[in-house]
Structures are given as structure tokens and as C-alpha cells.
Amino acid sequence: MANVRNTSHGDANRDPLTDEPGAHPVGVGVGAAGAGAAGAAIGSVAGPVGTAVGAVIGAVAGGLAGKGVAESIDPTTEDAYWRDNFNSRPYATDGHTYDDYRPAYQYGWESRASRPGSSWSEAENELERGWDSAKHKTRLGWDKAKHAARDAWERVDTHCRTTDKGGCCS
């Protein structure tokens, strides 16, 4: 599990606009959206201005928290791990390549990072509904992809629980 985050050899996750390292648009976006909505709800007690201010403050705080969670997972390391290990998994069937499973693994590790405190069983129905949008060009339906997604989810979950970073599990 120590390979989940490899800062010396991993992808720099460059920001597409500034080329700065450490960009995590999925984590930031998920964090910002969730906290922005919560901030707006809390701020609505003070009327429309409070709603707007609450949304902005919540989105900024949530975006920063989401970035922190996403930084605990190195997508390059995860991709390499699953590329090397997918054939040993019981669901890997003849006729399917790593490229077929890759979107499911990515969906699993990104989904786990974006759902702090959630278990697989709590998130599975939502993930199933989102699979058609997330699957890219893979031939796998959710009935096959869910096993790979769950594997990646559980690998990240184990990492979060066994390291002192812990951000994606809290």
C-alpha cells in the first residue's frame, strides 16, 4: 500500500491553465461544489446576500479540502499498480485488456477520494448511475466494471486508514 503516493516519481498533476504542479481539478471541484452548497444553505438565514457570501466561503474552503484529499492519491502510481496487477484479479476475463479496465479503476480511486467518510456500499448506487458518463471508451458495462472500481476504491480506502494523511477517509 505504500505505493499509493509516490511523490518522487509520480505525475506532477499540472494545472491545465497555469502549468503549476499539484492541480487536482476533480478533488477541488467536488469539494467546492459540496461545501458551496452547504455554505449557501447556512448563509440563507441572513437572506440573499448571506446565501451568496456563504456559497463563496463554502466553495473556497471546500475546494481547498478537496485538493488536500486528491493530493493523497497519485494517479500515476495507481495506474501503474493496476496495469501490473489487473490480470491477477478474479474478474479479469479473457478478451479484456487493461485499457478496458482502466476507466473503472480510475473511477474507483477518484470516487473514493471525492467521498470522504463514505463506504463502498453507501456509494455504489450513485457510482452505478454515473458509470455511463465516466466509462469513456471502455466496452465494460457496470456489471463488470464495478469489480475493478471497487478494487481501486478499497486500495485507496486502505491507504487512507493506514497512513497518517488520512484525508480521504475522514
Protein backbone atom coordinates (compact mmCIF):
# COMPACT_ATOMS: atom_id res chain seq x y z
CA MET A 1 0.00 0.00 0.00
CA ALA A 2 2.97 2.30 0.38
CA ASN A 3 2.90 2.95 -3.35
CA VAL A 4 -0.37 4.85 -3.38
CA ARG A 5 1.51 8.13 -3.10
CA ASN A 6 4.96 8.35 -4.64
CA THR A 7 5.95 11.97 -4.69
CA SER A 8 9.40 11.46 -6.14
CA HIS A 9 8.30 9.63 -9.28
CA GLY A 10 4.61 10.41 -9.68
CA ASP A 11 2.77 12.65 -12.06
CA ALA A 12 3.07 16.34 -11.17
CA ASN A 13 -0.67 16.80 -11.83
CA ARG A 14 -0.02 20.02 -13.70
CA ASP A 15 -2.73 22.67 -13.80
CA PRO A 16 -4.05 22.88 -17.38
CA LEU A 17 -4.08 26.69 -17.31
CA THR A 18 -1.00 27.67 -15.31
CA ASP A 19 1.15 24.52 -15.70
CA GLU A 20 1.76 24.65 -11.93
CA PRO A 21 2.24 21.24 -10.28
CA GLY A 22 -0.29 19.91 -7.80
CA ALA A 23 -3.54 20.56 -9.66
CA HIS A 24 -6.39 18.25 -8.69
CA PRO A 25 -9.45 19.57 -10.52
CA VAL A 26 -11.70 16.63 -9.61
CA GLY A 27 -10.96 16.86 -5.89
CA VAL A 28 -11.18 20.63 -5.87
CA GLY A 29 -14.41 20.64 -7.85
CA VAL A 30 -16.12 18.05 -5.70
CA GLY A 31 -15.03 19.78 -2.51
CA ALA A 32 -16.05 23.21 -3.77
CA ALA A 33 -19.46 22.09 -5.00
CA GLY A 34 -20.41 20.31 -1.81
CA ALA A 35 -19.16 22.96 0.57
CA GLY A 36 -20.50 25.78 -1.59
CA ALA A 37 -24.00 24.32 -1.38
CA ALA A 38 -23.66 23.86 2.37
CA GLY A 39 -22.36 27.42 2.77
CA ALA A 40 -25.25 28.79 0.74
CA ALA A 41 -27.76 26.93 2.88
CA ILE A 42 -26.21 28.23 6.09
CA GLY A 43 -25.90 31.76 4.72
CA SER A 44 -29.51 31.83 3.56
CA VAL A 45 -30.55 32.56 7.15
CA ALA A 46 -29.20 36.07 6.54
CA GLY A 47 -31.10 36.47 3.26
CA PRO A 48 -29.89 36.59 -0.37
CA VAL A 49 -26.60 38.32 0.44
CA GLY A 50 -25.89 35.78 3.14
CA THR A 51 -26.62 32.98 0.69
CA ALA A 52 -24.12 34.38 -1.83
CA VAL A 53 -21.42 35.02 0.77
CA GLY A 54 -21.96 31.59 2.34
CA ALA A 55 -21.68 29.91 -1.04
CA VAL A 56 -18.40 31.67 -1.87
CA ILE A 57 -16.81 30.99 1.52
CA GLY A 58 -18.01 27.38 1.46
CA ALA A 59 -16.75 26.81 -2.07
CA VAL A 60 -13.28 28.15 -1.28
CA ALA A 61 -12.98 26.09 1.90
CA GLY A 62 -14.38 23.01 0.20
CA GLY A 63 -12.12 23.39 -2.80
CA LEU A 64 -9.06 23.51 -0.58
CA ALA A 65 -10.23 20.46 1.36
CA GLY A 66 -10.95 18.60 -1.87
CA LYS A 67 -7.49 19.39 -3.18
CA GLY A 68 -5.96 18.01 0.00
CA VAL A 69 -7.85 14.75 -0.39
CA ALA A 70 -6.91 14.43 -4.06
CA GLU A 71 -3.25 15.05 -3.29
CA SER A 72 -3.16 11.99 -1.07
CA ILE A 73 -3.63 9.83 -4.19
CA ASP A 74 -1.11 9.69 -7.00
CA PRO A 75 -2.96 8.74 -10.20
CA THR A 76 0.26 7.74 -11.96
CA THR A 77 1.14 5.29 -9.21
CA GLU A 78 -2.40 3.93 -9.10
CA ASP A 79 -2.44 3.44 -12.86
CA ALA A 80 0.91 1.62 -12.77
CA TYR A 81 -0.21 -0.59 -9.89
CA TRP A 82 -3.40 -1.69 -11.64
CA ARG A 83 -1.68 -2.11 -15.01
CA ASP A 84 0.74 -4.55 -13.33
CA ASN A 85 -1.90 -6.35 -11.25
CA PHE A 86 -5.22 -6.40 -13.09
CA ASN A 87 -4.60 -9.81 -14.68
CA SER A 88 -4.40 -11.43 -11.25
CA ARG A 89 -7.89 -10.27 -10.28
CA PRO A 90 -10.70 -12.86 -10.46
CA TYR A 91 -12.92 -10.59 -12.57
CA ALA A 92 -10.30 -10.05 -15.29
CA THR A 93 -11.68 -12.12 -18.13
CA ASP A 94 -10.25 -13.30 -21.41
CA GLY A 95 -10.68 -10.81 -24.19
CA HIS A 96 -10.44 -7.75 -21.93
CA THR A 97 -7.26 -5.72 -21.71
CA TYR A 98 -6.04 -3.28 -19.10
CA ASP A 99 -7.33 -0.49 -21.34
CA ASP A 100 -10.83 -1.93 -20.89
CA TYR A 101 -10.50 -1.92 -17.09
CA ARG A 102 -8.52 1.30 -16.69
CA PRO A 103 -11.54 3.67 -16.65
CA ALA A 104 -13.14 1.52 -13.93
CA TYR A 105 -10.01 1.63 -11.78
CA GLN A 106 -9.74 5.38 -12.22
CA TYR A 107 -13.41 5.80 -11.43
CA GLY A 108 -12.88 3.81 -8.25
CA TRP A 109 -9.85 5.71 -6.94
CA GLU A 110 -11.24 9.13 -7.86
CA SER A 111 -14.66 8.32 -6.41
CA ARG A 112 -13.15 7.19 -3.11
CA ALA A 113 -11.10 10.37 -2.86
CA SER A 114 -14.13 12.53 -3.57
CA ARG A 115 -16.37 10.89 -0.97
CA PRO A 116 -14.70 11.33 2.42
CA GLY A 117 -16.22 9.11 5.06
CA SER A 118 -18.31 7.08 2.59
CA SER A 119 -18.20 3.32 2.32
CA TRP A 120 -18.42 1.43 -0.97
CA SER A 121 -21.90 0.18 -0.07
CA GLU A 122 -23.08 3.74 0.56
CA ALA A 123 -21.71 5.00 -2.76
CA GLU A 124 -22.27 2.05 -5.08
CA ASN A 125 -25.73 3.02 -6.38
CA GLU A 126 -24.58 6.56 -7.16
CA LEU A 127 -21.45 5.23 -8.87
CA GLU A 128 -23.55 2.88 -10.98
CA ARG A 129 -25.70 5.80 -12.14
CA GLY A 130 -22.56 7.78 -13.07
CA TRP A 131 -20.73 4.95 -14.86
CA ASP A 132 -22.06 5.71 -18.35
CA SER A 133 -20.57 9.22 -18.13
CA ALA A 134 -17.30 8.05 -16.58
CA LYS A 135 -16.52 4.98 -18.67
CA HIS A 136 -15.04 6.79 -21.66
CA LYS A 137 -14.46 4.27 -24.46
CA THR A 138 -14.38 1.05 -22.46
CA ARG A 139 -16.53 -1.87 -23.53
CA LEU A 140 -17.32 -2.79 -19.93
CA GLY A 141 -20.79 -2.38 -18.55
CA TRP A 142 -21.22 -1.62 -14.85
CA ASP A 143 -21.78 -5.32 -14.06
CA LYS A 144 -18.11 -5.97 -14.93
CA ALA A 145 -16.60 -2.56 -14.22
CA LYS A 146 -17.88 -2.37 -10.64
CA HIS A 147 -15.44 -5.06 -9.51
CA ALA A 148 -12.43 -3.10 -10.74
CA ALA A 149 -13.85 0.16 -9.40
CA ARG A 150 -14.38 -1.44 -6.00
CA ASP A 151 -10.84 -2.84 -6.01
CA ALA A 152 -9.41 0.62 -6.64
CA TRP A 153 -11.78 2.17 -4.06
CA GLU A 154 -10.68 -0.34 -1.42
CA ARG A 155 -6.98 0.12 -2.20
CA VAL A 156 -7.31 3.88 -1.63
CA ASP A 157 -9.50 3.32 1.42
CA THR A 158 -6.89 1.03 2.96
CA HIS A 159 -4.20 3.61 2.24
CA CYS A 160 -6.22 6.34 3.91
CA ARG A 161 -6.83 4.27 7.02
CA THR A 162 -3.22 3.11 7.36
CA THR A 163 -1.38 6.38 6.80
CA ASP A 164 -1.29 9.48 8.89
CA LYS A 165 -2.54 11.55 5.92
CA GLY A 166 -5.98 10.04 6.33
CA GLY A 167 -7.69 12.93 4.50
CA CYS A 168 -9.83 10.86 2.19
CA CYS A 169 -11.34 8.79 4.96
CA SER A 170 -12.35 11.46 7.41
